[in-house]
Amino acid sequence: MIASPRVAKVDSYREIKYEVAERIATISLNRPQARNSYTLVMADELADAFGRADNDDTVRVVIFTGEGEHFCSGLDLTISELDHSPESTPEWAEPAGRCSMRIFAMNKPVIAAIRGAAVGAGATIVLPCDYRLAATDARFGYVFSRRGIYAEGASAWFLPRLVGMGCALDWMISGRAFGAAEALSAGLVHSVYEPAELMAKARQLALTIAAKTAPVSVAVIRQMLYRMSAMDSPMPAHRLDSLLAADAVGNDDAAEGFASFQQQREPQFTGRVPGDLPGYLPWLHD
């Protein structure tokens, strides 16, 4: 049984919760009375909260979840208009993408803990997370075709990379709902638990990552996988590998990683994110 963490810091938002304890930031959608339906306020608060966690060097891992029995039931249908007209504001970003693209840019790993409805925006904003843990009662749906709208949150890029083009086409074109078992079989989620166990399992995973991995290594590897795997040649990845391998010689974290392994103890990595990221990483200059 994992004890409840002592919450070290709580910041107030209107429609989400943000808490930090034991090097884990927990970001929770907080409209349980509306099944955490997605709003413009929520979109901007999520982008802010993920940015806050990413720039806090005391945070190692983020857990992303929802208050109550549902993760997110999709766009709040009481919203009658968006905050800007795309025609008049070319830089305007649709609401689901404000969250998903901020998660994509993260240097910290993100664990989504999903129960109940994860529909529309609720199904897209979890795609850039590094882990998706689901409860047995989770129900997913990329329902855009059934609403006469279009895929959002850059899901047309993320989803086929996770489950393959055939499965993505089925889910996106049909707009049908599906459960946790199908999501697990397709590779959308990593594991499935009873609802009462979900958050404890997510926290256990987060604590393991925080205790056993180097934050700078995780940040670089996470972005390398996203940015390099879609290239049409392995050469850019190899060139970056070579720079990083040369830097590892004499690197304090590398020395600690090998020493802790030889001494059979938990590592004490001193590198911090984002301050100690190598300055030549190509995505830092996008």
Protein backbone atom coordinates (compact mmCIF):
# COMPACT_ATOMS: atom_id res chain seq x y z
CA MET A 1 0.00 0.00 0.00
CA ILE A 2 1.48 3.35 -1.05
CA ALA A 3 0.98 6.11 1.51
CA SER A 4 -0.66 9.33 0.38
CA PRO A 5 2.00 11.95 -0.44
CA ARG A 6 2.37 15.11 1.60
CA VAL A 7 1.46 17.93 -0.77
CA ALA A 8 4.30 20.42 -0.84
CA LYS A 9 2.67 23.14 -2.93
CA VAL A 10 -0.79 23.94 -4.28
CA ASP A 11 -1.47 26.66 -6.85
CA SER A 12 -4.94 27.93 -7.58
CA TYR A 13 -6.55 27.73 -11.00
CA ARG A 14 -10.21 28.04 -11.91
CA GLU A 15 -10.71 24.77 -13.80
CA ILE A 16 -7.70 22.60 -13.03
CA LYS A 17 -5.70 21.63 -9.96
CA TYR A 18 -1.91 21.80 -9.70
CA GLU A 19 -0.07 20.09 -6.86
CA VAL A 20 3.56 19.15 -6.27
CA ALA A 21 4.70 16.50 -3.82
CA GLU A 22 7.75 14.21 -3.72
CA ARG A 23 9.08 15.55 -7.03
CA ILE A 24 5.78 14.73 -8.79
CA ALA A 25 3.48 17.41 -10.19
CA THR A 26 -0.15 16.31 -10.45
CA ILE A 27 -2.26 18.27 -12.92
CA SER A 28 -5.98 17.46 -12.67
CA LEU A 29 -8.92 18.63 -14.73
CA ASN A 30 -11.30 20.04 -12.13
CA ARG A 31 -14.85 20.29 -13.47
CA PRO A 32 -16.18 16.97 -12.13
CA GLN A 33 -19.75 18.28 -12.07
CA ALA A 34 -19.50 18.58 -15.89
CA ARG A 35 -17.51 15.35 -16.42
CA ASN A 36 -14.46 17.62 -16.84
CA SER A 37 -15.74 18.89 -20.19
CA TYR A 38 -13.11 20.95 -21.99
CA THR A 39 -13.21 24.76 -22.06
CA LEU A 40 -11.04 27.62 -23.29
CA VAL A 41 -10.12 28.48 -19.71
CA MET A 42 -9.09 24.88 -19.08
CA ALA A 43 -6.98 24.81 -22.27
CA ASP A 44 -4.98 27.87 -21.27
CA GLU A 45 -4.64 26.80 -17.64
CA LEU A 46 -3.31 23.40 -18.75
CA ALA A 47 -0.71 25.02 -21.00
CA ASP A 48 0.38 27.23 -18.12
CA ALA A 49 0.52 24.35 -15.62
CA PHE A 50 2.58 22.09 -17.88
CA GLY A 51 4.94 24.98 -18.54
CA ARG A 52 5.25 25.57 -14.81
CA ALA A 53 6.08 21.95 -14.14
CA ASP A 54 8.56 21.84 -17.01
CA ASN A 55 10.47 24.85 -15.69
CA ASP A 56 10.51 23.75 -12.04
CA ASP A 57 13.74 21.80 -11.52
CA THR A 58 12.29 20.19 -8.38
CA VAL A 59 9.66 18.42 -10.52
CA ARG A 60 10.78 15.15 -12.09
CA VAL A 61 7.51 13.66 -13.39
CA VAL A 62 3.99 14.89 -14.14
CA ILE A 63 0.77 12.91 -13.57
CA PHE A 64 -2.15 14.14 -15.69
CA THR A 65 -5.62 13.12 -14.56
CA GLY A 66 -9.17 14.29 -13.86
CA GLU A 67 -11.12 14.87 -10.67
CA GLY A 68 -14.11 12.61 -10.17
CA GLU A 69 -15.19 9.62 -12.23
CA HIS A 70 -14.26 10.93 -15.70
CA PHE A 71 -11.10 12.19 -17.33
CA CYS A 72 -12.69 14.50 -19.92
CA SER A 73 -15.96 14.18 -21.84
CA GLY A 74 -14.84 16.47 -24.66
CA LEU A 75 -15.58 20.07 -25.56
CA ASP A 76 -18.11 21.80 -23.35
CA LEU A 77 -21.06 22.10 -25.74
CA THR A 78 -22.30 25.21 -23.94
CA ILE A 79 -19.39 27.11 -25.53
CA SER A 80 -20.88 28.99 -28.45
CA GLU A 81 -17.79 30.66 -29.83
CA LEU A 82 -14.01 30.52 -29.70
CA ASP A 83 -11.80 33.21 -28.24
CA HIS A 84 -10.45 34.40 -31.60
CA SER A 85 -11.30 34.19 -35.24
CA PRO A 86 -8.59 32.19 -37.06
CA GLU A 87 -9.05 34.44 -40.10
CA SER A 88 -8.23 37.59 -38.14
CA THR A 89 -5.55 36.01 -35.94
CA PRO A 90 -3.24 33.70 -37.95
CA GLU A 91 -1.33 32.68 -34.79
CA TRP A 92 -4.53 31.42 -33.14
CA ALA A 93 -4.29 27.84 -31.84
CA GLU A 94 -7.26 25.55 -31.33
CA PRO A 95 -7.92 24.69 -27.66
CA ALA A 96 -6.96 20.99 -27.57
CA GLY A 97 -3.67 21.75 -29.31
CA ARG A 98 -2.75 24.33 -26.70
CA CYS A 99 -2.47 21.46 -24.23
CA SER A 100 -1.19 18.67 -26.48
CA MET A 101 1.55 20.76 -28.07
CA ARG A 102 2.77 21.94 -24.65
CA ILE A 103 2.98 18.31 -23.52
CA PHE A 104 4.84 17.45 -26.74
CA ALA A 105 7.45 20.10 -25.87
CA MET A 106 7.93 18.80 -22.30
CA ASN A 107 11.32 17.87 -20.92
CA LYS A 108 9.66 15.99 -18.05
CA PRO A 109 7.87 12.65 -18.58
CA VAL A 110 4.08 12.78 -18.35
CA ILE A 111 1.87 9.93 -17.10
CA ALA A 112 -1.83 10.15 -17.99
CA ALA A 113 -4.16 8.39 -15.53
CA ILE A 114 -7.50 8.00 -17.31
CA ARG A 115 -10.84 6.78 -16.02
CA GLY A 116 -14.36 7.16 -17.32
CA ALA A 117 -14.96 9.26 -20.41
CA ALA A 118 -11.97 10.30 -22.55
CA VAL A 119 -13.76 11.62 -25.61
CA GLY A 120 -12.93 14.22 -28.25
CA ALA A 121 -10.47 16.62 -26.68
CA GLY A 122 -10.21 14.17 -23.78
CA ALA A 123 -8.92 11.52 -26.16
CA THR A 124 -6.46 13.81 -27.96
CA ILE A 125 -4.73 15.67 -25.14
CA VAL A 126 -3.36 12.42 -23.69
CA LEU A 127 -1.67 11.31 -26.92
CA PRO A 128 1.64 13.18 -26.34
CA CYS A 129 1.95 11.73 -22.83
CA ASP A 130 4.74 9.22 -22.31
CA TYR A 131 2.49 6.76 -20.48
CA ARG A 132 -1.27 6.30 -20.61
CA LEU A 133 -2.67 4.23 -17.72
CA ALA A 134 -6.39 3.50 -17.91
CA ALA A 135 -9.04 2.30 -15.51
CA THR A 136 -11.27 -0.60 -16.50
CA ASP A 137 -14.16 1.87 -16.84
CA ALA A 138 -12.35 4.12 -19.35
CA ARG A 139 -14.15 4.83 -22.62
CA PHE A 140 -12.38 6.51 -25.52
CA GLY A 141 -13.79 8.14 -28.62
CA TYR A 142 -12.41 10.23 -31.49
CA VAL A 143 -15.93 11.41 -32.24
CA PHE A 144 -15.19 14.32 -34.59
CA SER A 145 -16.78 12.77 -37.68
CA ARG A 146 -20.00 12.29 -35.72
CA ARG A 147 -20.10 15.98 -34.81
CA GLY A 148 -19.31 17.34 -38.28
CA ILE A 149 -15.95 18.73 -37.13
CA TYR A 150 -12.32 17.72 -37.58
CA ALA A 151 -9.53 15.98 -35.69
CA GLU A 152 -7.83 18.28 -33.19
CA GLY A 153 -4.92 18.38 -30.77
CA ALA A 154 -2.55 17.25 -33.57
CA SER A 155 -4.15 13.81 -33.10
CA ALA A 156 -3.78 13.02 -36.82
CA TRP A 157 0.00 13.10 -36.21
CA PHE A 158 0.15 11.38 -32.81
CA LEU A 159 -2.46 8.64 -33.08
CA PRO A 160 -1.09 6.68 -36.10
CA ARG A 161 2.35 6.66 -34.46
CA LEU A 162 0.89 4.97 -31.40
CA VAL A 163 -1.60 2.49 -32.86
CA GLY A 164 -0.81 2.29 -36.58
CA MET A 165 -2.59 3.82 -39.54
CA GLY A 166 -5.26 1.13 -39.89
CA CYS A 167 -6.48 1.44 -36.32
CA ALA A 168 -6.28 5.24 -36.41
CA LEU A 169 -8.37 5.30 -39.60
CA ASP A 170 -11.00 3.06 -38.03
CA TRP A 171 -11.32 5.08 -34.83
CA MET A 172 -11.19 8.47 -36.54
CA ILE A 173 -13.48 7.75 -39.51
CA SER A 174 -16.13 5.80 -37.59
CA GLY A 175 -16.02 8.06 -34.53
CA ARG A 176 -17.11 5.05 -32.47
CA ALA A 177 -16.48 4.67 -28.75
CA PHE A 178 -14.29 1.85 -27.44
CA GLY A 179 -13.23 0.58 -24.06
CA ALA A 180 -10.02 0.08 -22.12
CA ALA A 181 -9.49 -3.49 -23.37
CA GLU A 182 -9.45 -2.41 -27.02
CA ALA A 183 -7.25 0.58 -26.17
CA LEU A 184 -4.77 -1.76 -24.46
CA SER A 185 -4.78 -4.27 -27.32
CA ALA A 186 -4.09 -1.52 -29.86
CA GLY A 187 -1.29 0.06 -27.83
CA LEU A 188 -3.10 3.30 -26.99
CA VAL A 189 -2.72 2.59 -23.28
CA HIS A 190 0.13 0.83 -21.53
CA SER A 191 -1.81 -0.86 -18.73
CA VAL A 192 -5.30 -1.15 -17.23
CA TYR A 193 -6.27 -1.18 -13.55
CA GLU A 194 -9.36 -1.13 -11.40
CA PRO A 195 -10.50 2.48 -10.83
CA ALA A 196 -9.56 2.43 -7.15
CA GLU A 197 -5.98 1.39 -8.01
CA LEU A 198 -5.32 3.76 -10.90
CA MET A 199 -3.76 6.76 -9.14
CA ALA A 200 -1.64 4.59 -6.84
CA LYS A 201 -0.23 2.79 -9.88
CA ALA A 202 0.47 6.07 -11.66
CA ARG A 203 2.22 7.44 -8.59
CA GLN A 204 4.26 4.25 -8.16
CA LEU A 205 5.49 4.59 -11.75
CA ALA A 206 6.29 8.27 -11.25
CA LEU A 207 8.26 7.59 -8.07
CA THR A 208 10.27 4.87 -9.83
CA ILE A 209 11.18 7.22 -12.69
CA ALA A 210 12.11 9.97 -10.24
CA ALA A 211 14.30 7.66 -8.16
CA LYS A 212 16.13 5.74 -10.86
CA THR A 213 16.61 7.99 -13.91
CA ALA A 214 18.67 11.07 -14.72
CA PRO A 215 16.43 14.07 -15.51
CA VAL A 216 18.68 15.43 -18.27
CA SER A 217 18.94 11.99 -19.91
CA VAL A 218 15.15 11.56 -19.81
CA ALA A 219 14.55 15.01 -21.28
CA VAL A 220 16.95 14.47 -24.17
CA ILE A 221 15.83 10.90 -24.92
CA ARG A 222 12.13 11.89 -24.85
CA GLN A 223 12.61 14.61 -27.44
CA MET A 224 15.01 12.51 -29.55
CA LEU A 225 12.36 9.81 -29.92
CA TYR A 226 9.71 12.27 -31.05
CA ARG A 227 11.92 14.43 -33.26
CA MET A 228 14.26 11.86 -34.79
CA SER A 229 12.04 8.83 -35.37
CA ALA A 230 10.00 10.56 -38.10
CA MET A 231 13.05 11.53 -40.19
CA ASP A 232 13.71 9.75 -43.48
CA SER A 233 17.31 8.91 -42.57
CA PRO A 234 19.07 7.82 -39.36
CA MET A 235 21.99 10.16 -40.04
CA PRO A 236 20.70 13.20 -38.08
CA ALA A 237 20.06 10.95 -35.09
CA HIS A 238 23.54 9.44 -35.39
CA ARG A 239 25.17 12.88 -35.55
CA LEU A 240 23.34 13.95 -32.40
CA ASP A 241 24.18 10.61 -30.73
CA SER A 242 27.85 11.30 -31.41
CA LEU A 243 27.76 14.77 -29.86
CA LEU A 244 25.97 13.45 -26.80
CA ALA A 245 28.31 10.45 -26.44
CA ALA A 246 31.33 12.76 -26.53
CA ASP A 247 29.74 14.95 -23.87
CA ALA A 248 29.09 11.95 -21.64
CA VAL A 249 32.84 11.53 -21.09
CA GLY A 250 33.46 13.23 -17.78
CA ASN A 251 29.78 14.07 -17.32
CA ASP A 252 28.77 13.99 -13.63
CA ASP A 253 25.51 12.19 -14.27
CA ALA A 254 27.21 9.52 -16.38
CA ALA A 255 29.85 9.00 -13.69
CA GLU A 256 27.13 8.70 -11.04
CA GLY A 257 25.10 6.30 -13.17
CA PHE A 258 27.99 3.88 -13.55
CA ALA A 259 29.16 4.29 -9.93
CA SER A 260 25.69 3.64 -8.48
CA PHE A 261 25.33 0.55 -10.66
CA GLN A 262 28.69 -0.83 -9.54
CA GLN A 263 27.96 -0.03 -5.89
CA GLN A 264 24.39 -1.42 -6.11
CA ARG A 265 22.73 1.72 -4.72
CA GLU A 266 20.16 4.26 -5.88
CA PRO A 267 21.71 6.99 -8.05
CA GLN A 268 21.88 10.63 -6.96
CA PHE A 269 21.86 12.56 -10.22
CA THR A 270 22.72 16.25 -9.97
CA GLY A 271 21.82 17.44 -13.49
CA ARG A 272 18.74 19.66 -13.64
CA VAL A 273 16.16 20.44 -16.31
CA PRO A 274 15.98 22.73 -18.12
CA GLY A 275 19.17 24.40 -16.87
CA ASP A 276 21.63 21.61 -17.73
CA LEU A 277 20.29 20.62 -21.16
CA PRO A 278 23.02 20.67 -23.84
CA GLY A 279 22.75 23.97 -25.67
CA TYR A 280 23.25 22.42 -29.12
CA LEU A 281 20.05 20.34 -29.07
CA PRO A 282 18.38 21.29 -32.37
CA TRP A 283 14.87 21.59 -30.95
CA LEU A 284 15.97 24.24 -28.44
CA HIS A 285 16.30 26.61 -31.38
CA ASP A 286 12.95 25.91 -33.10
